C-alpha atoms as a PDB file:
ATOM      1  CA  MET A   1       9.427 -17.859  37.336  1.00  0.00           C
ATOM      2  CA  GLY A   2       9.607 -21.621  37.384  1.00  0.00           C
ATOM      3  CA  LEU A   3      11.966 -24.173  35.940  1.00  0.00           C
ATOM      4  CA  LEU A   4      10.738 -27.266  34.117  1.00  0.00           C
ATOM      5  CA  THR A   5      13.486 -29.638  33.050  1.00  0.00           C
ATOM      6  CA  GLY A   6      14.076 -33.261  32.239  1.00  0.00           C
ATOM      7  CA  ASN A   7      17.191 -33.070  34.405  1.00  0.00           C
ATOM      8  CA  VAL A   8      17.433 -34.402  37.939  1.00  0.00           C
ATOM      9  CA  GLY A   9      16.702 -31.585  40.411  1.00  0.00           C
ATOM     10  CA  GLU A  10      20.104 -31.473  42.062  1.00  0.00           C
ATOM     11  CA  ILE A  11      21.884 -31.336  38.706  1.00  0.00           C
ATOM     12  CA  ALA A  12      19.557 -28.683  37.309  1.00  0.00           C
ATOM     13  CA  TRP A  13      19.929 -26.373  40.316  1.00  0.00           C
ATOM     14  CA  GLY A  14      23.696 -26.870  40.167  1.00  0.00           C
ATOM     15  CA  LYS A  15      23.804 -25.845  36.501  1.00  0.00           C
ATOM     16  CA  LEU A  16      21.736 -22.747  37.198  1.00  0.00           C
ATOM     17  CA  GLU A  17      23.887 -21.823  40.157  1.00  0.00           C
ATOM     18  CA  GLN A  18      27.026 -22.237  38.084  1.00  0.00           C
ATOM     19  CA  ALA A  19      25.524 -19.941  35.432  1.00  0.00           C
ATOM     20  CA  GLY A  20      24.646 -17.382  38.117  1.00  0.00           C
ATOM     21  CA  ILE A  21      20.891 -17.457  37.423  1.00  0.00           C
ATOM     22  CA  LYS A  22      19.498 -19.825  40.060  1.00  0.00           C
ATOM     23  CA  ASP A  23      18.017 -16.992  42.115  1.00  0.00           C
ATOM     24  CA  TYR A  24      15.747 -15.961  39.227  1.00  0.00           C
ATOM     25  CA  PHE A  25      13.682 -19.123  39.709  1.00  0.00           C
ATOM     26  CA  ASP A  26      11.073 -19.484  42.435  1.00  0.00           C
ATOM     27  CA  PHE A  27      10.463 -23.208  41.962  1.00  0.00           C
ATOM     28  CA  GLY A  28      11.335 -26.161  39.794  1.00  0.00           C
ATOM     29  CA  VAL A  29       9.881 -29.436  38.559  1.00  0.00           C
ATOM     30  CA  PHE A  30      12.275 -32.135  37.418  1.00  0.00           C
ATOM     31  CA  GLY A  31      12.472 -35.213  35.257  1.00  0.00           C
ATOM     32  CA  ASP A  32      13.188 -37.499  38.184  1.00  0.00           C
ATOM     33  CA  GLN A  33       9.764 -36.652  39.673  1.00  0.00           C
ATOM     34  CA  VAL A  34       7.660 -38.176  36.871  1.00  0.00           C
ATOM     35  CA  GLU A  35       7.452 -41.070  34.431  1.00  0.00           C
ATOM     36  CA  GLN A  36       6.866 -38.831  31.390  1.00  0.00           C
ATOM     37  CA  ARG A  37       8.214 -35.314  30.912  1.00  0.00           C
ATOM     38  CA  VAL A  38       4.794 -33.937  29.867  1.00  0.00           C
ATOM     39  CA  GLU A  39       3.538 -34.581  33.422  1.00  0.00           C
ATOM     40  CA  LEU A  40       5.842 -31.747  34.534  1.00  0.00           C
ATOM     41  CA  VAL A  41       3.619 -29.196  32.778  1.00  0.00           C
ATOM     42  CA  GLU A  42       0.715 -29.752  35.172  1.00  0.00           C
ATOM     43  CA  MET A  43       3.085 -29.949  38.157  1.00  0.00           C
ATOM     44  CA  ALA A  44       4.568 -26.586  37.166  1.00  0.00           C
ATOM     45  CA  ARG A  45       1.123 -25.057  36.657  1.00  0.00           C
ATOM     46  CA  LEU A  46      -0.019 -26.168  40.113  1.00  0.00           C
ATOM     47  CA  LYS A  47       3.183 -24.942  41.778  1.00  0.00           C
ATOM     48  CA  ALA A  48       2.771 -21.571  40.073  1.00  0.00           C
ATOM     49  CA  GLU A  49      -0.830 -21.367  41.301  1.00  0.00           C
ATOM     50  CA  ASN A  50       0.232 -22.129  44.871  1.00  0.00           C
ATOM     51  CA  LEU A  51       3.049 -19.608  44.743  1.00  0.00           C
ATOM     52  CA  LEU A  52       0.972 -16.842  43.156  1.00  0.00           C
ATOM     53  CA  GLY A  53      -2.242 -17.562  45.032  1.00  0.00           C
ATOM     54  CA  ARG A  54      -4.293 -17.365  41.837  1.00  0.00           C
ATOM     55  CA  SER A  55      -5.350 -19.450  38.885  1.00  0.00           C
ATOM     56  CA  VAL A  56      -2.720 -20.138  36.229  1.00  0.00           C
ATOM     57  CA  ARG A  57      -3.891 -21.285  32.797  1.00  0.00           C
ATOM     58  CA  LEU A  58      -1.931 -23.387  30.354  1.00  0.00           C
ATOM     59  CA  GLU A  59      -1.961 -20.314  28.099  1.00  0.00           C
ATOM     60  CA  ASP A  60       0.138 -18.562  30.766  1.00  0.00           C
ATOM     61  CA  LEU A  61       2.971 -21.084  30.446  1.00  0.00           C
ATOM     62  CA  VAL A  62       5.834 -21.170  27.945  1.00  0.00           C
ATOM     63  CA  ILE A  63       8.654 -23.687  27.661  1.00  0.00           C
ATOM     64  CA  VAL A  64      12.017 -22.329  26.568  1.00  0.00           C
ATOM     65  CA  GLY A  65      14.218 -25.185  25.462  1.00  0.00           C
ATOM     66  CA  ASP A  66      17.121 -26.166  23.265  1.00  0.00           C
ATOM     67  CA  THR A  67      16.193 -29.732  22.318  1.00  0.00           C
ATOM     68  CA  PRO A  68      13.424 -31.421  20.332  1.00  0.00           C
ATOM     69  CA  LEU A  69      12.379 -33.170  23.586  1.00  0.00           C
ATOM     70  CA  ASP A  70      11.729 -29.776  25.192  1.00  0.00           C
ATOM     71  CA  ILE A  71       9.483 -28.731  22.332  1.00  0.00           C
ATOM     72  CA  ALA A  72       7.722 -32.117  22.275  1.00  0.00           C
ATOM     73  CA  CYS A  73       6.967 -31.666  25.982  1.00  0.00           C
ATOM     74  CA  ALA A  74       5.413 -28.267  25.307  1.00  0.00           C
ATOM     75  CA  LYS A  75       3.329 -29.629  22.426  1.00  0.00           C
ATOM     76  CA  ALA A  76       2.130 -32.627  24.462  1.00  0.00           C
ATOM     77  CA  GLY A  77       1.306 -30.314  27.368  1.00  0.00           C
ATOM     78  CA  LYS A  78      -0.553 -27.914  25.056  1.00  0.00           C
ATOM     79  CA  ILE A  79       1.599 -24.906  25.898  1.00  0.00           C
ATOM     80  CA  LYS A  80       3.672 -22.485  23.811  1.00  0.00           C
ATOM     81  CA  SER A  81       7.349 -23.081  23.142  1.00  0.00           C
ATOM     82  CA  ILE A  82      10.473 -21.126  22.318  1.00  0.00           C
ATOM     83  CA  ALA A  83      13.287 -23.142  20.774  1.00  0.00           C
ATOM     84  CA  VAL A  84      16.791 -21.786  21.320  1.00  0.00           C
ATOM     85  CA  ALA A  85      19.494 -23.005  18.933  1.00  0.00           C
ATOM     86  CA  SER A  86      22.349 -22.428  21.357  1.00  0.00           C
ATOM     87  CA  GLY A  87      22.857 -26.086  22.207  1.00  0.00           C
ATOM     88  CA  PHE A  88      23.483 -29.156  20.081  1.00  0.00           C
ATOM     89  CA  TYR A  89      20.572 -28.524  17.690  1.00  0.00           C
ATOM     90  CA  THR A  90      20.537 -26.051  14.805  1.00  0.00           C
ATOM     91  CA  GLU A  91      17.725 -23.636  14.023  1.00  0.00           C
ATOM     92  CA  GLU A  92      16.760 -25.849  11.072  1.00  0.00           C
ATOM     93  CA  GLU A  93      16.565 -28.962  13.257  1.00  0.00           C
ATOM     94  CA  LEU A  94      14.480 -27.109  15.838  1.00  0.00           C
ATOM     95  CA  ARG A  95      12.223 -25.650  13.113  1.00  0.00           C
ATOM     96  CA  LYS A  96      11.139 -29.219  12.321  1.00  0.00           C
ATOM     97  CA  THR A  97       9.774 -29.563  15.869  1.00  0.00           C
ATOM     98  CA  GLY A  98       7.045 -26.987  15.244  1.00  0.00           C
ATOM     99  CA  ALA A  99       8.175 -24.649  18.013  1.00  0.00           C
ATOM    100  CA  ASP A 100       6.165 -21.439  18.228  1.00  0.00           C
ATOM    101  CA  LEU A 101       9.318 -19.310  18.110  1.00  0.00           C
ATOM    102  CA  ILE A 102      12.873 -20.209  17.149  1.00  0.00           C
ATOM    103  CA  VAL A 103      15.820 -17.995  18.052  1.00  0.00           C
ATOM    104  CA  PRO A 104      19.555 -18.508  17.580  1.00  0.00           C
ATOM    105  CA  SER A 105      20.302 -17.660  21.225  1.00  0.00           C
ATOM    106  CA  LEU A 106      18.839 -16.055  24.328  1.00  0.00           C
ATOM    107  CA  MET A 107      20.646 -12.888  23.265  1.00  0.00           C
ATOM    108  CA  ASP A 108      17.731 -12.324  20.861  1.00  0.00           C
ATOM    109  CA  LYS A 109      15.810 -10.893  23.811  1.00  0.00           C
ATOM    110  CA  ASP A 110      13.734  -8.396  21.825  1.00  0.00           C
ATOM    111  CA  LYS A 111      12.186 -11.171  19.732  1.00  0.00           C
ATOM    112  CA  ILE A 112      11.621 -13.325  22.826  1.00  0.00           C
ATOM    113  CA  LEU A 113      10.041 -10.498  24.824  1.00  0.00           C
ATOM    114  CA  GLN A 114       7.809  -9.531  21.893  1.00  0.00           C
ATOM    115  CA  PHE A 115       6.643 -13.150  21.643  1.00  0.00           C
ATOM    116  CA  LEU A 116       5.946 -13.370  25.377  1.00  0.00           C
ATOM    117  CA  HIS A 117       4.131 -10.032  25.389  1.00  0.00           C
ATOM    118  CA  THR A 118       1.735 -11.126  22.629  1.00  0.00           C
ATOM    119  CA  GLN A 119       0.869 -14.441  24.287  1.00  0.00           C
END
């Protein structure tokens, strides 16, 4: 599993480590590596291909984010998105972004897994 974030790499890894989930990620692409966040989609796809040793299609990628910028990145990169209203933005605000799935929190794992399974 890869991490795509607008954060600087060092900060992002630190946040994940603090949350105790850093080891779930095999690679990351970060906002400080590109001019525009959407460029991270192709970087992530290529890193996934190298790691897996097989072709990875855009249809295989999903962004899970909690801001309108995260969802805009997914839309611009032509990939699916899951908006999580556990941050500063409400479900209603995230609904306006056109996310493919909106959940109140990551605790709604059944809905998230069902969405991922049907993609």
